[in-house]
Amino acid sequence: MKRYELLIDGIHCDGCINRIKNVLSTVKGIISYDISFESKKLVIEVKKDKVINEVIDKIEDLGFIVIR
């Protein structure tokens, strides 16, 4: 299990948060996550390191910028 904290640039509203949550629900291997509108931070726990790359790709496909 690995824990990551990612900053997500481009979050402007609750709709942005919901779009990210929807895409996270499609990724297998996520143990838990918490995303904050105020800090624009995603704290996520994944089973394997390769899962985080899929998470980042999917969030960036939505038009956001992910900073590790």
PDB file of N, CA and C in Angstrom:
ATOM      1  N   MET A   1       0.844  -1.171   0.000  1.00  0.00           N
ATOM      2  CA  MET A   1       0.000   0.000   0.000  1.00  0.00           C
ATOM      3  C   MET A   1       0.891   1.236   0.000  1.00  0.00           C
ATOM      4  N   LYS A   2       0.543   2.203  -0.856  1.00  0.00           N
ATOM      5  CA  LYS A   2       1.285   3.448  -0.965  1.00  0.00           C
ATOM      6  C   LYS A   2       0.329   4.609  -0.797  1.00  0.00           C
ATOM      7  N   ARG A   3       0.802   5.671  -0.141  1.00  0.00           N
ATOM      8  CA  ARG A   3       0.005   6.876   0.077  1.00  0.00           C
ATOM      9  C   ARG A   3       0.660   8.017  -0.689  1.00  0.00           C
ATOM     10  N   TYR A   4      -0.150   8.772  -1.408  1.00  0.00           N
ATOM     11  CA  TYR A   4       0.330   9.906  -2.185  1.00  0.00           C
ATOM     12  C   TYR A   4      -0.486  11.139  -1.859  1.00  0.00           C
ATOM     13  N   GLU A   5       0.167  12.292  -1.927  1.00  0.00           N
ATOM     14  CA  GLU A   5      -0.513  13.578  -1.844  1.00  0.00           C
ATOM     15  C   GLU A   5      -0.234  14.304  -3.152  1.00  0.00           C
ATOM     16  N   LEU A   6      -1.297  14.611  -3.876  1.00  0.00           N
ATOM     17  CA  LEU A   6      -1.166  15.265  -5.169  1.00  0.00           C
ATOM     18  C   LEU A   6      -1.899  16.596  -5.146  1.00  0.00           C
ATOM     19  N   LEU A   7      -1.269  17.642  -5.672  1.00  0.00           N
ATOM     20  CA  LEU A   7      -1.947  18.912  -5.869  1.00  0.00           C
ATOM     21  C   LEU A   7      -2.575  18.893  -7.252  1.00  0.00           C
ATOM     22  N   ILE A   8      -3.795  19.394  -7.348  1.00  0.00           N
ATOM     23  CA  ILE A   8      -4.494  19.388  -8.625  1.00  0.00           C
ATOM     24  C   ILE A   8      -4.833  20.823  -8.986  1.00  0.00           C
ATOM     25  N   ASP A   9      -4.158  21.329  -9.997  1.00  0.00           N
ATOM     26  CA  ASP A   9      -4.379  22.694 -10.459  1.00  0.00           C
ATOM     27  C   ASP A   9      -5.557  22.714 -11.434  1.00  0.00           C
ATOM     28  N   GLY A  10      -6.415  23.694 -11.272  1.00  0.00           N
ATOM     29  CA  GLY A  10      -7.555  23.836 -12.171  1.00  0.00           C
ATOM     30  C   GLY A  10      -8.888  23.535 -11.518  1.00  0.00           C
ATOM     31  N   ILE A  11      -8.886  23.198 -10.233  1.00  0.00           N
ATOM     32  CA  ILE A  11     -10.138  22.967  -9.514  1.00  0.00           C
ATOM     33  C   ILE A  11     -10.744  24.325  -9.173  1.00  0.00           C
ATOM     34  N   HIS A  12     -11.974  24.565  -9.665  1.00  0.00           N
ATOM     35  CA  HIS A  12     -12.621  25.855  -9.446  1.00  0.00           C
ATOM     36  C   HIS A  12     -13.946  25.759  -8.701  1.00  0.00           C
ATOM     37  N   CYS A  13     -14.513  24.546  -8.616  1.00  0.00           N
ATOM     38  CA  CYS A  13     -15.850  24.436  -8.022  1.00  0.00           C
ATOM     39  C   CYS A  13     -16.115  22.990  -7.591  1.00  0.00           C
ATOM     40  N   ASP A  14     -17.269  22.796  -6.966  1.00  0.00           N
ATOM     41  CA  ASP A  14     -17.664  21.446  -6.552  1.00  0.00           C
ATOM     42  C   ASP A  14     -17.873  20.530  -7.754  1.00  0.00           C
ATOM     43  N   GLY A  15     -18.241  21.098  -8.885  1.00  0.00           N
ATOM     44  CA  GLY A  15     -18.395  20.306 -10.099  1.00  0.00           C
ATOM     45  C   GLY A  15     -17.076  19.671 -10.515  1.00  0.00           C
ATOM     46  N   CYS A  16     -15.987  20.415 -10.346  1.00  0.00           N
ATOM     47  CA  CYS A  16     -14.654  19.869 -10.644  1.00  0.00           C
ATOM     48  C   CYS A  16     -14.353  18.681  -9.737  1.00  0.00           C
ATOM     49  N   ILE A  17     -14.666  18.841  -8.451  1.00  0.00           N
ATOM     50  CA  ILE A  17     -14.444  17.766  -7.486  1.00  0.00           C
ATOM     51  C   ILE A  17     -15.259  16.532  -7.885  1.00  0.00           C
ATOM     52  N   ASN A  18     -16.503  16.744  -8.271  1.00  0.00           N
ATOM     53  CA  ASN A  18     -17.364  15.615  -8.658  1.00  0.00           C
ATOM     54  C   ASN A  18     -16.846  14.911  -9.904  1.00  0.00           C
ATOM     55  N   ARG A  19     -16.314  15.665 -10.857  1.00  0.00           N
ATOM     56  CA  ARG A  19     -15.748  15.043 -12.065  1.00  0.00           C
ATOM     57  C   ARG A  19     -14.567  14.156 -11.694  1.00  0.00           C
ATOM     58  N   ILE A  20     -13.718  14.635 -10.789  1.00  0.00           N
ATOM     59  CA  ILE A  20     -12.563  13.846 -10.361  1.00  0.00           C
ATOM     60  C   ILE A  20     -13.018  12.604  -9.599  1.00  0.00           C
ATOM     61  N   LYS A  21     -13.978  12.773  -8.695  1.00  0.00           N
ATOM     62  CA  LYS A  21     -14.493  11.614  -7.951  1.00  0.00           C
ATOM     63  C   LYS A  21     -15.081  10.568  -8.899  1.00  0.00           C
ATOM     64  N   ASN A  22     -15.792  11.011  -9.926  1.00  0.00           N
ATOM     65  CA  ASN A  22     -16.375  10.072 -10.887  1.00  0.00           C
ATOM     66  C   ASN A  22     -15.294   9.270 -11.601  1.00  0.00           C
ATOM     67  N   VAL A  23     -14.217   9.927 -11.997  1.00  0.00           N
ATOM     68  CA  VAL A  23     -13.159   9.207 -12.701  1.00  0.00           C
ATOM     69  C   VAL A  23     -12.395   8.292 -11.738  1.00  0.00           C
ATOM     70  N   LEU A  24     -12.237   8.705 -10.482  1.00  0.00           N
ATOM     71  CA  LEU A  24     -11.556   7.837  -9.511  1.00  0.00           C
ATOM     72  C   LEU A  24     -12.348   6.563  -9.253  1.00  0.00           C
ATOM     73  N   SER A  25     -13.657   6.651  -9.353  1.00  0.00           N
ATOM     74  CA  SER A  25     -14.487   5.462  -9.119  1.00  0.00           C
ATOM     75  C   SER A  25     -14.291   4.400 -10.192  1.00  0.00           C
ATOM     76  N   THR A  26     -13.665   4.757 -11.308  1.00  0.00           N
ATOM     77  CA  THR A  26     -13.439   3.800 -12.396  1.00  0.00           C
ATOM     78  C   THR A  26     -12.078   3.108 -12.304  1.00  0.00           C
ATOM     79  N   VAL A  27     -11.243   3.531 -11.365  1.00  0.00           N
ATOM     80  CA  VAL A  27      -9.884   2.995 -11.265  1.00  0.00           C
ATOM     81  C   VAL A  27      -9.839   1.883 -10.214  1.00  0.00           C
ATOM     82  N   LYS A  28      -9.388   0.718 -10.631  1.00  0.00           N
ATOM     83  CA  LYS A  28      -9.232  -0.407  -9.696  1.00  0.00           C
ATOM     84  C   LYS A  28      -7.897  -0.272  -8.986  1.00  0.00           C
ATOM     85  N   GLY A  29      -7.877  -0.648  -7.722  1.00  0.00           N
ATOM     86  CA  GLY A  29      -6.636  -0.604  -6.959  1.00  0.00           C
ATOM     87  C   GLY A  29      -6.539   0.572  -6.010  1.00  0.00           C
ATOM     88  N   ILE A  30      -7.589   1.408  -5.968  1.00  0.00           N
ATOM     89  CA  ILE A  30      -7.608   2.512  -5.007  1.00  0.00           C
ATOM     90  C   ILE A  30      -8.183   1.980  -3.696  1.00  0.00           C
ATOM     91  N   ILE A  31      -7.454   2.184  -2.613  1.00  0.00           N
ATOM     92  CA  ILE A  31      -7.926   1.761  -1.299  1.00  0.00           C
ATOM     93  C   ILE A  31      -8.824   2.832  -0.702  1.00  0.00           C
ATOM     94  N   SER A  32      -8.342   4.083  -0.718  1.00  0.00           N
ATOM     95  CA  SER A  32      -9.138   5.198  -0.207  1.00  0.00           C
ATOM     96  C   SER A  32      -8.590   6.492  -0.788  1.00  0.00           C
ATOM     97  N   TYR A  33      -9.416   7.543  -0.722  1.00  0.00           N
ATOM     98  CA  TYR A  33      -8.954   8.863  -1.140  1.00  0.00           C
ATOM     99  C   TYR A  33      -9.795   9.932  -0.464  1.00  0.00           C
ATOM    100  N   ASP A  34      -9.194  11.119  -0.388  1.00  0.00           N
ATOM    101  CA  ASP A  34      -9.887  12.295   0.114  1.00  0.00           C
ATOM    102  C   ASP A  34      -9.432  13.460  -0.740  1.00  0.00           C
ATOM    103  N   ILE A  35     -10.379  14.211  -1.259  1.00  0.00           N
ATOM    104  CA  ILE A  35     -10.048  15.349  -2.095  1.00  0.00           C
ATOM    105  C   ILE A  35     -10.652  16.597  -1.472  1.00  0.00           C
ATOM    106  N   SER A  36      -9.864  17.672  -1.434  1.00  0.00           N
ATOM    107  CA  SER A  36     -10.283  18.908  -0.791  1.00  0.00           C
ATOM    108  C   SER A  36     -10.361  20.035  -1.809  1.00  0.00           C
ATOM    109  N   PHE A  37     -11.501  20.711  -1.827  1.00  0.00           N
ATOM    110  CA  PHE A  37     -11.672  21.873  -2.704  1.00  0.00           C
ATOM    111  C   PHE A  37     -10.783  23.022  -2.234  1.00  0.00           C
ATOM    112  N   GLU A  38     -10.727  23.231  -0.930  1.00  0.00           N
ATOM    113  CA  GLU A  38      -9.985  24.357  -0.383  1.00  0.00           C
ATOM    114  C   GLU A  38      -8.487  24.262  -0.662  1.00  0.00           C
ATOM    115  N   SER A  39      -7.905  23.099  -0.416  1.00  0.00           N
ATOM    116  CA  SER A  39      -6.456  22.943  -0.608  1.00  0.00           C
ATOM    117  C   SER A  39      -6.097  22.447  -2.004  1.00  0.00           C
ATOM    118  N   LYS A  40      -7.108  22.015  -2.766  1.00  0.00           N
ATOM    119  CA  LYS A  40      -6.900  21.440  -4.103  1.00  0.00           C
ATOM    120  C   LYS A  40      -5.935  20.256  -4.045  1.00  0.00           C
ATOM    121  N   LYS A  41      -6.072  19.492  -2.966  1.00  0.00           N
ATOM    122  CA  LYS A  41      -5.175  18.370  -2.727  1.00  0.00           C
ATOM    123  C   LYS A  41      -5.961  17.056  -2.729  1.00  0.00           C
ATOM    124  N   LEU A  42      -5.359  16.056  -3.362  1.00  0.00           N
ATOM    125  CA  LEU A  42      -5.885  14.697  -3.346  1.00  0.00           C
ATOM    126  C   LEU A  42      -4.929  13.837  -2.536  1.00  0.00           C
ATOM    127  N   VAL A  43      -5.433  13.258  -1.465  1.00  0.00           N
ATOM    128  CA  VAL A  43      -4.667  12.299  -0.679  1.00  0.00           C
ATOM    129  C   VAL A  43      -5.253  10.940  -1.010  1.00  0.00           C
ATOM    130  N   ILE A  44      -4.409  10.045  -1.512  1.00  0.00           N
ATOM    131  CA  ILE A  44      -4.905   8.780  -2.039  1.00  0.00           C
ATOM    132  C   ILE A  44      -4.002   7.632  -1.608  1.00  0.00           C
ATOM    133  N   GLU A  45      -4.623   6.501  -1.296  1.00  0.00           N
ATOM    134  CA  GLU A  45      -3.895   5.274  -0.986  1.00  0.00           C
ATOM    135  C   GLU A  45      -4.230   4.256  -2.059  1.00  0.00           C
ATOM    136  N   VAL A  46      -3.190   3.658  -2.620  1.00  0.00           N
ATOM    137  CA  VAL A  46      -3.366   2.682  -3.690  1.00  0.00           C
ATOM    138  C   VAL A  46      -2.654   1.382  -3.325  1.00  0.00           C
ATOM    139  N   LYS A  47      -3.103   0.305  -3.942  1.00  0.00           N
ATOM    140  CA  LYS A  47      -2.510  -1.006  -3.665  1.00  0.00           C
ATOM    141  C   LYS A  47      -1.118  -1.140  -4.259  1.00  0.00           C
ATOM    142  N   LYS A  48      -0.935  -0.638  -5.481  1.00  0.00           N
ATOM    143  CA  LYS A  48       0.339  -0.775  -6.184  1.00  0.00           C
ATOM    144  C   LYS A  48       0.737   0.560  -6.793  1.00  0.00           C
ATOM    145  N   ASP A  49       2.041   0.764  -6.934  1.00  0.00           N
ATOM    146  CA  ASP A  49       2.556   2.016  -7.485  1.00  0.00           C
ATOM    147  C   ASP A  49       1.994   2.349  -8.861  1.00  0.00           C
ATOM    148  N   LYS A  50       1.785   1.339  -9.697  1.00  0.00           N
ATOM    149  CA  LYS A  50       1.343   1.615 -11.063  1.00  0.00           C
ATOM    150  C   LYS A  50      -0.057   2.229 -11.110  1.00  0.00           C
ATOM    151  N   VAL A  51      -0.838   2.042 -10.071  1.00  0.00           N
ATOM    152  CA  VAL A  51      -2.196   2.597 -10.034  1.00  0.00           C
ATOM    153  C   VAL A  51      -2.156   4.121 -10.026  1.00  0.00           C
ATOM    154  N   ILE A  52      -1.162   4.709  -9.358  1.00  0.00           N
ATOM    155  CA  ILE A  52      -1.103   6.165  -9.270  1.00  0.00           C
ATOM    156  C   ILE A  52      -0.894   6.786 -10.642  1.00  0.00           C
ATOM    157  N   ASN A  53      -0.164   6.113 -11.519  1.00  0.00           N
ATOM    158  CA  ASN A  53       0.023   6.633 -12.877  1.00  0.00           C
ATOM    159  C   ASN A  53      -1.298   6.669 -13.635  1.00  0.00           C
ATOM    160  N   GLU A  54      -2.125   5.654 -13.454  1.00  0.00           N
ATOM    161  CA  GLU A  54      -3.444   5.632 -14.087  1.00  0.00           C
ATOM    162  C   GLU A  54      -4.319   6.756 -13.537  1.00  0.00           C
ATOM    163  N   VAL A  55      -4.251   6.966 -12.215  1.00  0.00           N
ATOM    164  CA  VAL A  55      -5.023   8.035 -11.582  1.00  0.00           C
ATOM    165  C   VAL A  55      -4.624   9.389 -12.165  1.00  0.00           C
ATOM    166  N   ILE A  56      -3.332   9.641 -12.233  1.00  0.00           N
ATOM    167  CA  ILE A  56      -2.838  10.919 -12.760  1.00  0.00           C
ATOM    168  C   ILE A  56      -3.263  11.101 -14.206  1.00  0.00           C
ATOM    169  N   ASP A  57      -3.112  10.078 -15.028  1.00  0.00           N
ATOM    170  CA  ASP A  57      -3.506  10.165 -16.441  1.00  0.00           C
ATOM    171  C   ASP A  57      -4.983  10.499 -16.589  1.00  0.00           C
ATOM    172  N   LYS A  58      -5.826   9.843 -15.812  1.00  0.00           N
ATOM    173  CA  LYS A  58      -7.269  10.066 -15.929  1.00  0.00           C
ATOM    174  C   LYS A  58      -7.664  11.466 -15.470  1.00  0.00           C
ATOM    175  N   ILE A  59      -7.030  11.961 -14.412  1.00  0.00           N
ATOM    176  CA  ILE A  59      -7.326  13.316 -13.946  1.00  0.00           C
ATOM    177  C   ILE A  59      -6.850  14.344 -14.963  1.00  0.00           C
ATOM    178  N   GLU A  60      -5.671  14.127 -15.528  1.00  0.00           N
ATOM    179  CA  GLU A  60      -5.163  15.050 -16.542  1.00  0.00           C
ATOM    180  C   GLU A  60      -5.988  14.992 -17.820  1.00  0.00           C
ATOM    181  N   ASP A  61      -6.567  13.838 -18.139  1.00  0.00           N
ATOM    182  CA  ASP A  61      -7.454  13.730 -19.305  1.00  0.00           C
ATOM    183  C   ASP A  61      -8.695  14.604 -19.134  1.00  0.00           C
ATOM    184  N   LEU A  62      -9.054  14.914 -17.879  1.00  0.00           N
ATOM    185  CA  LEU A  62     -10.195  15.795 -17.613  1.00  0.00           C
ATOM    186  C   LEU A  62      -9.817  17.265 -17.804  1.00  0.00           C
ATOM    187  N   GLY A  63      -8.525  17.565 -17.977  1.00  0.00           N
ATOM    188  CA  GLY A  63      -8.084  18.931 -18.196  1.00  0.00           C
ATOM    189  C   GLY A  63      -7.403  19.575 -17.002  1.00  0.00           C
ATOM    190  N   PHE A  64      -7.196  18.825 -15.942  1.00  0.00           N
ATOM    191  CA  PHE A  64      -6.514  19.345 -14.762  1.00  0.00           C
ATOM    192  C   PHE A  64      -5.017  19.066 -14.862  1.00  0.00           C
ATOM    193  N   ILE A  65      -4.247  19.789 -14.070  1.00  0.00           N
ATOM    194  CA  ILE A  65      -2.804  19.558 -14.002  1.00  0.00           C
ATOM    195  C   ILE A  65      -2.493  18.964 -12.640  1.00  0.00           C
ATOM    196  N   VAL A  66      -1.836  17.808 -12.630  1.00  0.00           N
ATOM    197  CA  VAL A  66      -1.499  17.114 -11.390  1.00  0.00           C
ATOM    198  C   VAL A  66      -0.033  17.354 -11.069  1.00  0.00           C
ATOM    199  N   ILE A  67       0.211  17.823  -9.828  1.00  0.00           N
ATOM    200  CA  ILE A  67       1.561  18.092  -9.369  1.00  0.00           C
ATOM    201  C   ILE A  67       1.858  17.135  -8.226  1.00  0.00           C
ATOM    202  N   ARG A  68       2.921  16.345  -8.384  1.00  0.00           N
ATOM    203  CA  ARG A  68       3.302  15.384  -7.339  1.00  0.00           C
ATOM    204  C   ARG A  68       3.994  16.066  -6.209  1.00  0.00           C
TER     205      ARG A  68
END
